[in-house]
Amino acid sequence: MKPTWMLALAGMLCAGALQAQDTPGSRESIGVGKEVKFKNTDTDADGKITFAEMKKVHHAGLKAWREAGESLDEKKVAEAQKWLDERLFMLEFVVWDGNDDRELTKEEYLKDAADAPEFSRQDKLDIEDVEFDDMLRYDSDKDGKLSLAELTSGTQAKLKKYMEIAKDDNDKLEKLLDIENHMMTAYTMLNRDLDGDSVLTREEVKKYMERVFEGEELHMLSKQAMKKYGQFIADTMFTLYDKNGDKALSWDELKNVKNPPTEEEFKRIDKNGDGKLSGEEVAVAMGESDGDDGIEPGDTPPQPPEKD
């Protein structure tokens, strides 16, 4: 079984966007009329919103929201949230586009809630496509693919930036860690990397969904992918907690963090008994399972701890 303390530590990396209702722009907006939202999203004012137009608004809003969060300025965050609330969010677009032609008319959007179309196969594919676009912000060589190396280096750069902003203020750092769900992004990337080459393509995302539609259970990582996921967690933990830069976590570095391990847990993971946890030891601990292939059927990715 994976050690509870490690899940708790890792959970600090993904507390921000775990549930859909907590994601900016993913909820019904209070006090904003649908006609206003449609008008604000219809950027070329032609009476319809295309999928490309919706994606542009969606990604611009998320970028502004993240940048506002990094400023630690509550006013800027509120302004970014207000901007999002005054526009359609992607889930609204795909659902109300009932004929799945990737064009939403005002007539379609202003239908009574009781007449809302069912969530379709195409809707699910479009949501996955949008999420892949969002992950491509880590695509450093701009080849339209996302490698695990790019995601790891991009995450490390982001966490280092957060640490510089926080300046040893743990409360500020925790607020910054709430902005993005780094662990879930890595899990999703590895889960949909069907050929196991640590590079995710748009075609693989589509193939993944097609296989899910055919009834395959692909929600858990393979044993090989789980090891890679464990290494990603180890790398991100080192960025936050490895104070002396030796690519290992000592008992002194961990004992005062939130949700620390017990000495017994620490020693159990420290396989070679050198008093430090290497990347390989952390990865192995995160990859431990009662089954033969990654996490057990029905399990979900590690969840963040509840906040006090």
Protein backbone atom coordinates (compact mmCIF):
# COMPACT_ATOMS: atom_id res chain seq x y z
CA MET A 1 0.00 0.00 0.00
CA LYS A 2 1.18 3.54 -0.68
CA PRO A 3 2.14 5.44 2.49
CA THR A 4 -0.54 7.89 3.60
CA TRP A 5 1.94 10.63 4.40
CA MET A 6 3.31 10.53 0.85
CA LEU A 7 -0.14 10.90 -0.67
CA ALA A 8 -0.74 13.85 1.64
CA LEU A 9 2.51 15.55 0.67
CA ALA A 10 1.89 14.91 -3.00
CA GLY A 11 -1.67 16.12 -2.59
CA MET A 12 -0.39 19.60 -1.88
CA LEU A 13 0.56 19.74 -5.55
CA CYS A 14 -2.98 19.27 -6.80
CA ALA A 15 -5.44 20.83 -4.38
CA GLY A 16 -6.63 23.55 -6.75
CA ALA A 17 -8.69 22.08 -9.56
CA LEU A 18 -9.54 18.58 -8.43
CA GLN A 19 -13.31 18.84 -8.70
CA ALA A 20 -15.07 20.24 -11.73
CA GLN A 21 -17.29 22.56 -9.71
CA ASP A 22 -14.19 24.27 -8.29
CA THR A 23 -12.60 24.93 -11.67
CA PRO A 24 -12.96 28.55 -12.85
CA GLY A 25 -15.62 28.91 -15.51
CA SER A 26 -17.04 25.42 -14.93
CA ARG A 27 -20.16 26.43 -13.03
CA GLU A 28 -23.37 28.32 -13.70
CA SER A 29 -22.78 32.01 -13.09
CA ILE A 30 -24.93 33.67 -10.48
CA GLY A 31 -26.57 36.91 -11.58
CA VAL A 32 -25.33 36.83 -15.17
CA GLY A 33 -27.99 36.44 -17.85
CA LYS A 34 -27.52 33.93 -20.65
CA GLU A 35 -27.94 36.61 -23.33
CA VAL A 36 -25.12 38.64 -21.78
CA LYS A 37 -22.87 35.59 -21.60
CA PHE A 38 -23.61 34.69 -25.22
CA LYS A 39 -22.90 38.24 -26.42
CA ASN A 40 -19.61 38.42 -24.53
CA THR A 41 -18.46 35.07 -25.90
CA ASP A 42 -19.51 35.79 -29.48
CA THR A 43 -16.36 37.80 -30.13
CA ASP A 44 -17.04 38.48 -33.81
CA ALA A 45 -20.72 39.34 -33.12
CA ASP A 46 -22.05 37.17 -35.95
CA GLY A 47 -24.80 35.59 -33.86
CA LYS A 48 -23.08 32.24 -33.39
CA ILE A 49 -20.13 30.88 -31.45
CA THR A 50 -17.83 28.42 -33.17
CA PHE A 51 -15.85 25.75 -31.33
CA ALA A 52 -12.61 27.57 -32.24
CA GLU A 53 -14.04 30.84 -30.93
CA MET A 54 -15.14 29.14 -27.70
CA LYS A 55 -11.73 27.53 -27.19
CA LYS A 56 -10.00 30.89 -27.59
CA VAL A 57 -12.20 32.51 -24.95
CA HIS A 58 -11.86 29.49 -22.65
CA HIS A 59 -8.05 29.40 -22.71
CA ALA A 60 -7.72 33.18 -22.46
CA GLY A 61 -9.90 33.14 -19.35
CA LEU A 62 -7.96 30.33 -17.68
CA LYS A 63 -4.65 32.03 -18.43
CA ALA A 64 -5.87 35.29 -16.92
CA TRP A 65 -7.25 33.46 -13.88
CA ARG A 66 -3.95 31.66 -13.26
CA GLU A 67 -1.92 34.83 -13.65
CA ALA A 68 -4.23 36.64 -11.24
CA GLY A 69 -3.80 33.81 -8.73
CA GLU A 70 -0.01 34.04 -8.97
CA SER A 71 -0.23 37.73 -8.09
CA LEU A 72 -1.77 36.79 -4.71
CA ASP A 73 -3.99 39.82 -5.25
CA GLU A 74 -7.57 38.97 -4.24
CA LYS A 75 -8.95 41.87 -6.27
CA LYS A 76 -7.27 40.63 -9.45
CA VAL A 77 -8.52 37.09 -8.80
CA ALA A 78 -12.07 38.39 -8.32
CA GLU A 79 -11.82 40.40 -11.55
CA ALA A 80 -10.59 37.35 -13.48
CA GLN A 81 -13.39 35.23 -12.03
CA LYS A 82 -15.95 37.91 -12.95
CA TRP A 83 -14.63 37.92 -16.53
CA LEU A 84 -15.12 34.15 -16.69
CA ASP A 85 -18.56 34.31 -15.11
CA GLU A 86 -19.71 36.77 -17.77
CA ARG A 87 -18.91 34.32 -20.58
CA LEU A 88 -19.91 30.80 -21.53
CA PHE A 89 -17.73 28.05 -20.22
CA MET A 90 -16.75 25.11 -22.39
CA LEU A 91 -19.13 22.60 -20.82
CA GLU A 92 -22.08 24.90 -21.56
CA PHE A 93 -20.99 25.17 -25.19
CA VAL A 94 -20.68 21.44 -25.87
CA VAL A 95 -23.94 20.59 -24.09
CA TRP A 96 -26.13 23.26 -25.67
CA ASP A 97 -24.70 22.60 -29.12
CA GLY A 98 -27.28 19.87 -29.41
CA ASN A 99 -26.65 18.93 -33.05
CA ASP A 100 -22.88 18.68 -32.45
CA ASP A 101 -22.02 20.85 -35.44
CA ARG A 102 -19.53 22.80 -33.28
CA GLU A 103 -21.47 26.00 -33.75
CA LEU A 104 -23.70 27.33 -30.98
CA THR A 105 -26.49 29.67 -31.99
CA LYS A 106 -28.32 31.97 -29.61
CA GLU A 107 -31.50 30.00 -30.26
CA GLU A 108 -29.81 26.78 -29.13
CA TYR A 109 -28.30 28.38 -26.03
CA LEU A 110 -31.43 30.19 -24.85
CA LYS A 111 -33.59 27.06 -24.77
CA ASP A 112 -35.28 26.22 -21.49
CA ALA A 113 -33.11 24.24 -19.09
CA ALA A 114 -35.62 21.39 -19.23
CA ASP A 115 -34.83 21.02 -22.94
CA ALA A 116 -31.06 20.75 -22.48
CA PRO A 117 -29.59 18.11 -24.83
CA GLU A 118 -27.94 15.02 -23.38
CA PHE A 119 -24.17 14.90 -23.04
CA SER A 120 -23.10 13.19 -26.24
CA ARG A 121 -20.14 11.15 -27.47
CA GLN A 122 -18.92 14.17 -29.45
CA ASP A 123 -19.23 16.37 -26.36
CA LYS A 124 -16.86 14.06 -24.46
CA LEU A 125 -14.37 14.06 -27.34
CA ASP A 126 -14.48 17.86 -27.52
CA ILE A 127 -13.89 18.24 -23.77
CA GLU A 128 -10.86 15.92 -24.01
CA ASP A 129 -9.60 17.95 -26.97
CA VAL A 130 -9.86 21.17 -24.97
CA GLU A 131 -8.11 19.63 -21.97
CA PHE A 132 -5.29 18.45 -24.25
CA ASP A 133 -4.92 22.02 -25.56
CA ASP A 134 -4.66 23.23 -21.97
CA MET A 135 -1.90 20.71 -21.23
CA LEU A 136 0.00 21.93 -24.28
CA ARG A 137 0.95 25.07 -22.35
CA TYR A 138 3.85 22.85 -21.22
CA ASP A 139 4.77 22.00 -24.84
CA SER A 140 8.10 23.83 -24.81
CA ASP A 141 9.22 22.87 -28.35
CA LYS A 142 5.75 23.68 -29.79
CA ASP A 143 5.48 20.44 -31.76
CA GLY A 144 1.84 19.89 -30.77
CA LYS A 145 2.76 16.98 -28.46
CA LEU A 146 3.36 16.79 -24.71
CA SER A 147 6.25 14.78 -23.37
CA LEU A 148 6.63 13.74 -19.75
CA ALA A 149 10.01 15.53 -19.75
CA GLU A 150 8.32 18.77 -20.85
CA LEU A 151 5.60 18.39 -18.23
CA THR A 152 8.15 17.66 -15.50
CA SER A 153 10.43 20.58 -16.37
CA GLY A 154 7.47 22.92 -16.80
CA THR A 155 6.04 21.91 -13.44
CA GLN A 156 9.39 22.33 -11.72
CA ALA A 157 9.78 25.81 -13.22
CA LYS A 158 6.30 26.75 -12.03
CA LEU A 159 6.92 25.45 -8.50
CA LYS A 160 10.25 27.30 -8.29
CA LYS A 161 8.43 30.47 -9.35
CA TYR A 162 5.84 29.89 -6.63
CA MET A 163 8.58 29.46 -4.03
CA GLU A 164 10.19 32.73 -5.12
CA ILE A 165 6.86 34.53 -4.85
CA ALA A 166 6.05 33.02 -1.45
CA LYS A 167 9.47 33.82 0.04
CA ASP A 168 9.29 31.10 2.73
CA ASP A 169 5.72 32.04 3.66
CA ASN A 170 3.99 28.61 3.82
CA ASP A 171 0.49 30.10 3.72
CA LYS A 172 1.30 31.99 0.51
CA LEU A 173 2.92 28.91 -1.00
CA GLU A 174 -0.16 26.82 -0.26
CA LYS A 175 -2.38 29.40 -1.98
CA LEU A 176 -0.12 29.27 -5.02
CA LEU A 177 -0.17 25.47 -5.06
CA ASP A 178 -3.97 25.68 -5.17
CA ILE A 179 -3.87 27.32 -8.61
CA GLU A 180 -2.97 24.29 -10.71
CA ASN A 181 -3.50 20.55 -10.47
CA HIS A 182 -0.02 19.33 -11.44
CA MET A 183 -0.50 15.77 -10.21
CA MET A 184 -3.77 15.26 -12.08
CA THR A 185 -2.24 16.67 -15.26
CA ALA A 186 0.58 14.12 -15.04
CA TYR A 187 -1.84 11.31 -14.26
CA THR A 188 -4.07 12.23 -17.23
CA MET A 189 -1.06 12.50 -19.55
CA LEU A 190 0.29 9.05 -18.59
CA ASN A 191 -3.18 7.49 -18.57
CA ARG A 192 -3.80 8.49 -22.18
CA ASP A 193 -0.27 7.74 -23.42
CA LEU A 194 -1.39 4.48 -25.00
CA ASP A 195 1.93 3.43 -26.53
CA GLY A 196 3.88 4.15 -23.35
CA ASP A 197 6.50 6.33 -25.02
CA SER A 198 6.01 9.19 -22.51
CA VAL A 199 4.74 11.47 -25.28
CA LEU A 200 1.04 12.31 -25.55
CA THR A 201 -0.50 13.23 -28.90
CA ARG A 202 -3.95 14.52 -29.82
CA GLU A 203 -4.56 11.33 -31.78
CA GLU A 204 -3.81 9.22 -28.70
CA VAL A 205 -6.33 11.22 -26.68
CA LYS A 206 -8.97 10.52 -29.31
CA LYS A 207 -8.06 6.82 -29.47
CA TYR A 208 -8.19 6.62 -25.68
CA MET A 209 -11.76 7.97 -25.66
CA GLU A 210 -12.82 5.69 -28.52
CA ARG A 211 -11.60 2.68 -26.54
CA VAL A 212 -13.48 3.93 -23.46
CA PHE A 213 -16.61 4.25 -25.60
CA GLU A 214 -16.14 0.61 -26.61
CA GLY A 215 -16.32 -0.37 -22.95
CA GLU A 216 -12.64 -0.79 -22.05
CA GLU A 217 -11.64 0.13 -18.49
CA LEU A 218 -8.66 2.43 -18.94
CA HIS A 219 -8.99 4.56 -15.81
CA MET A 220 -5.95 3.13 -14.01
CA LEU A 221 -2.28 3.40 -14.85
CA SER A 222 -0.27 0.41 -15.94
CA LYS A 223 2.57 -0.75 -13.71
CA GLN A 224 5.09 0.93 -16.05
CA ALA A 225 3.13 4.18 -16.14
CA MET A 226 2.74 4.12 -12.35
CA LYS A 227 6.53 4.06 -11.98
CA LYS A 228 6.78 7.11 -14.23
CA TYR A 229 4.06 8.81 -12.22
CA GLY A 230 5.96 8.04 -9.02
CA GLN A 231 9.10 9.59 -10.50
CA PHE A 232 7.14 12.71 -11.48
CA ILE A 233 5.92 13.02 -7.90
CA ALA A 234 9.46 12.49 -6.61
CA ASP A 235 10.81 15.21 -8.91
CA THR A 236 8.15 17.70 -7.83
CA MET A 237 8.61 16.84 -4.15
CA PHE A 238 12.34 17.49 -4.49
CA THR A 239 11.60 20.90 -5.99
CA LEU A 240 9.60 21.83 -2.90
CA TYR A 241 11.37 20.05 -0.06
CA ASP A 242 14.95 19.25 -1.09
CA LYS A 243 16.58 22.22 0.67
CA ASN A 244 20.23 21.25 0.13
CA GLY A 245 19.83 20.24 -3.53
CA ASP A 246 21.22 16.71 -3.18
CA LYS A 247 18.26 15.13 -5.05
CA ALA A 248 17.13 13.31 -1.94
CA LEU A 249 14.78 13.93 0.97
CA SER A 250 16.29 13.65 4.44
CA TRP A 251 14.39 13.16 7.68
CA ASP A 252 15.28 16.73 8.70
CA GLU A 253 13.83 18.09 5.45
CA LEU A 254 10.55 16.23 5.89
CA LYS A 255 9.86 16.11 9.61
CA ASN A 256 8.53 19.67 9.84
CA VAL A 257 6.42 19.79 6.67
CA LYS A 258 2.65 19.52 6.74
CA ASN A 259 1.55 15.86 7.01
CA PRO A 260 5.09 14.50 7.68
CA PRO A 261 5.93 10.80 7.69
CA THR A 262 6.55 8.91 10.90
CA GLU A 263 10.10 7.75 11.49
CA GLU A 264 8.90 4.19 10.92
CA GLU A 265 7.40 5.08 7.52
CA PHE A 266 10.52 6.98 6.54
CA LYS A 267 12.78 4.04 7.41
CA ARG A 268 10.56 1.56 5.55
CA ILE A 269 10.86 3.54 2.30
CA ASP A 270 14.58 4.20 2.82
CA LYS A 271 15.52 0.80 1.39
CA ASN A 272 19.29 1.27 1.55
CA GLY A 273 19.20 2.78 5.02
CA ASP A 274 21.29 5.84 4.17
CA GLY A 275 18.94 8.22 5.96
CA LYS A 276 17.67 9.80 2.72
CA LEU A 277 14.88 9.06 0.26
CA SER A 278 16.13 8.96 -3.33
CA GLY A 279 13.96 9.61 -6.36
CA GLU A 280 13.89 5.89 -7.07
CA GLU A 281 12.80 5.07 -3.51
CA VAL A 282 10.00 7.66 -3.60
CA ALA A 283 8.88 6.45 -7.04
CA VAL A 284 8.84 2.82 -5.87
CA ALA A 285 6.80 3.76 -2.79
CA MET A 286 4.26 5.66 -4.90
CA GLY A 287 4.05 2.73 -7.33
CA GLU A 288 3.39 0.14 -4.64
CA SER A 289 0.11 -1.71 -5.08
CA ASP A 290 -1.70 -4.75 -3.83
CA GLY A 291 -2.31 -5.76 -7.45
CA ASP A 292 0.02 -6.60 -10.30
CA ASP A 293 -0.73 -3.69 -12.61
CA GLY A 294 -0.53 -0.23 -11.15
CA ILE A 295 -3.39 0.88 -8.95
CA GLU A 296 -6.22 -1.50 -8.25
CA PRO A 297 -9.38 -1.50 -10.39
CA GLY A 298 -11.84 1.08 -9.15
CA ASP A 299 -9.14 3.18 -7.49
CA THR A 300 -8.70 6.83 -8.37
CA PRO A 301 -5.48 8.88 -8.48
CA PRO A 302 -4.06 10.06 -5.15
CA GLN A 303 -6.29 12.73 -3.65
CA PRO A 304 -5.15 15.83 -1.78
CA PRO A 305 -5.68 16.00 1.96
CA GLU A 306 -8.63 17.93 3.32
CA LYS A 307 -7.66 21.38 4.45
CA ASP A 308 -7.76 22.19 8.14
